[in-house]
């Protein structure tokens, strides 16, 4: 089997700072905003963050810090 260029998730995240992301936590809370920084534990600092519930905005925050072990997934938003 030939090996396709393997992407490392952390490297992809670190290259995607200053881009919009959606972060889903294990407790089903979801945040959408700009990822300012990420470390090797996938701790995130987000700005202009919005808290979502069932796709609807329920709160706006200037800055959110998310602990990496609470993250279920991070979706990078496409710039259209």
C-alpha atoms as a PDB file:
ATOM      1  CA  UNK A   1       0.000   0.000   0.000  1.00  0.00           C
ATOM      2  CA  UNK A   2       1.272   3.413  -0.847  1.00  0.00           C
ATOM      3  CA  UNK A   3       1.016   6.017   1.830  1.00  0.00           C
ATOM      4  CA  UNK A   4      -0.825   9.194   0.933  1.00  0.00           C
ATOM      5  CA  UNK A   5       0.532  12.422   2.404  1.00  0.00           C
ATOM      6  CA  UNK A   6      -0.514  12.026   6.032  1.00  0.00           C
ATOM      7  CA  UNK A   7      -1.761  15.196   7.665  1.00  0.00           C
ATOM      8  CA  UNK A   8      -1.131  15.730  11.313  1.00  0.00           C
ATOM      9  CA  UNK A   9      -4.158  17.325  12.972  1.00  0.00           C
ATOM     10  CA  UNK A  10      -2.165  19.541  15.305  1.00  0.00           C
ATOM     11  CA  UNK A  11       0.006  20.875  12.480  1.00  0.00           C
ATOM     12  CA  UNK A  12      -3.114  21.623  10.442  1.00  0.00           C
ATOM     13  CA  UNK A  13      -4.636  23.509  13.385  1.00  0.00           C
ATOM     14  CA  UNK A  14      -1.474  25.499  14.049  1.00  0.00           C
ATOM     15  CA  UNK A  15      -1.365  26.573  10.398  1.00  0.00           C
ATOM     16  CA  UNK A  16      -5.009  27.632  10.639  1.00  0.00           C
ATOM     17  CA  UNK A  17      -4.700  30.240  13.377  1.00  0.00           C
ATOM     18  CA  UNK A  18      -6.517  33.492  12.649  1.00  0.00           C
ATOM     19  CA  UNK A  19      -9.185  31.530  10.720  1.00  0.00           C
ATOM     20  CA  UNK A  20     -12.799  30.849  11.628  1.00  0.00           C
ATOM     21  CA  UNK A  21     -13.546  27.563  13.380  1.00  0.00           C
ATOM     22  CA  UNK A  22     -16.416  25.753  15.022  1.00  0.00           C
ATOM     23  CA  UNK A  23     -15.542  23.905  18.223  1.00  0.00           C
ATOM     24  CA  UNK A  24     -17.860  21.258  19.681  1.00  0.00           C
ATOM     25  CA  UNK A  25     -17.286  20.275  23.288  1.00  0.00           C
ATOM     26  CA  UNK A  26     -18.024  16.920  24.899  1.00  0.00           C
ATOM     27  CA  UNK A  27     -20.946  18.471  26.795  1.00  0.00           C
ATOM     28  CA  UNK A  28     -22.526  19.411  23.408  1.00  0.00           C
ATOM     29  CA  UNK A  29     -21.798  23.142  23.743  1.00  0.00           C
ATOM     30  CA  UNK A  30     -20.621  24.623  20.457  1.00  0.00           C
ATOM     31  CA  UNK A  31     -18.566  27.777  19.839  1.00  0.00           C
ATOM     32  CA  UNK A  32     -17.929  29.557  16.576  1.00  0.00           C
ATOM     33  CA  UNK A  33     -15.276  32.234  16.176  1.00  0.00           C
ATOM     34  CA  UNK A  34     -11.737  33.084  15.146  1.00  0.00           C
ATOM     35  CA  UNK A  35      -9.018  30.780  16.508  1.00  0.00           C
ATOM     36  CA  UNK A  36      -6.219  33.015  17.773  1.00  0.00           C
ATOM     37  CA  UNK A  37      -3.949  30.330  19.177  1.00  0.00           C
ATOM     38  CA  UNK A  38      -3.697  26.587  19.799  1.00  0.00           C
ATOM     39  CA  UNK A  39      -1.091  24.634  21.770  1.00  0.00           C
ATOM     40  CA  UNK A  40       0.112  21.021  21.745  1.00  0.00           C
ATOM     41  CA  UNK A  41      -2.741  20.003  24.101  1.00  0.00           C
ATOM     42  CA  UNK A  42      -5.286  21.545  21.703  1.00  0.00           C
ATOM     43  CA  UNK A  43      -6.140  24.273  24.198  1.00  0.00           C
ATOM     44  CA  UNK A  44      -7.690  27.077  22.157  1.00  0.00           C
ATOM     45  CA  UNK A  45      -7.999  30.812  22.444  1.00  0.00           C
ATOM     46  CA  UNK A  46     -10.858  32.160  20.365  1.00  0.00           C
ATOM     47  CA  UNK A  47     -11.981  35.736  19.745  1.00  0.00           C
ATOM     48  CA  UNK A  48     -15.342  37.043  18.532  1.00  0.00           C
ATOM     49  CA  UNK A  49     -16.782  33.761  19.803  1.00  0.00           C
ATOM     50  CA  UNK A  50     -20.458  32.892  19.711  1.00  0.00           C
ATOM     51  CA  UNK A  51     -22.045  30.119  21.742  1.00  0.00           C
ATOM     52  CA  UNK A  52     -24.481  28.043  19.713  1.00  0.00           C
ATOM     53  CA  UNK A  53     -27.296  25.713  20.696  1.00  0.00           C
ATOM     54  CA  UNK A  54     -29.112  23.807  17.930  1.00  0.00           C
ATOM     55  CA  UNK A  55     -27.460  26.124  15.399  1.00  0.00           C
ATOM     56  CA  UNK A  56     -28.820  29.285  17.042  1.00  0.00           C
ATOM     57  CA  UNK A  57     -26.645  31.911  18.699  1.00  0.00           C
ATOM     58  CA  UNK A  58     -27.415  32.110  22.416  1.00  0.00           C
ATOM     59  CA  UNK A  59     -24.453  34.252  23.596  1.00  0.00           C
ATOM     60  CA  UNK A  60     -21.622  36.417  22.261  1.00  0.00           C
ATOM     61  CA  UNK A  61     -18.188  36.554  23.889  1.00  0.00           C
ATOM     62  CA  UNK A  62     -15.139  38.676  23.159  1.00  0.00           C
ATOM     63  CA  UNK A  63     -12.658  35.949  24.069  1.00  0.00           C
ATOM     64  CA  UNK A  64     -13.060  32.282  24.970  1.00  0.00           C
ATOM     65  CA  UNK A  65     -10.403  29.914  26.256  1.00  0.00           C
ATOM     66  CA  UNK A  66     -11.226  26.240  25.704  1.00  0.00           C
ATOM     67  CA  UNK A  67      -9.362  23.462  27.466  1.00  0.00           C
ATOM     68  CA  UNK A  68      -8.280  20.829  24.950  1.00  0.00           C
ATOM     69  CA  UNK A  69      -9.494  17.782  26.874  1.00  0.00           C
ATOM     70  CA  UNK A  70     -13.080  19.112  26.621  1.00  0.00           C
ATOM     71  CA  UNK A  71     -12.990  19.290  22.807  1.00  0.00           C
ATOM     72  CA  UNK A  72     -14.951  16.733  20.804  1.00  0.00           C
ATOM     73  CA  UNK A  73     -14.026  18.180  17.403  1.00  0.00           C
ATOM     74  CA  UNK A  74     -12.784  21.325  15.662  1.00  0.00           C
ATOM     75  CA  UNK A  75     -14.136  22.172  12.239  1.00  0.00           C
ATOM     76  CA  UNK A  76     -12.203  24.641  10.089  1.00  0.00           C
ATOM     77  CA  UNK A  77     -14.606  26.935   8.258  1.00  0.00           C
ATOM     78  CA  UNK A  78     -14.027  27.418   4.551  1.00  0.00           C
ATOM     79  CA  UNK A  79     -13.513  30.957   3.336  1.00  0.00           C
ATOM     80  CA  UNK A  80     -16.027  31.416   0.540  1.00  0.00           C
END
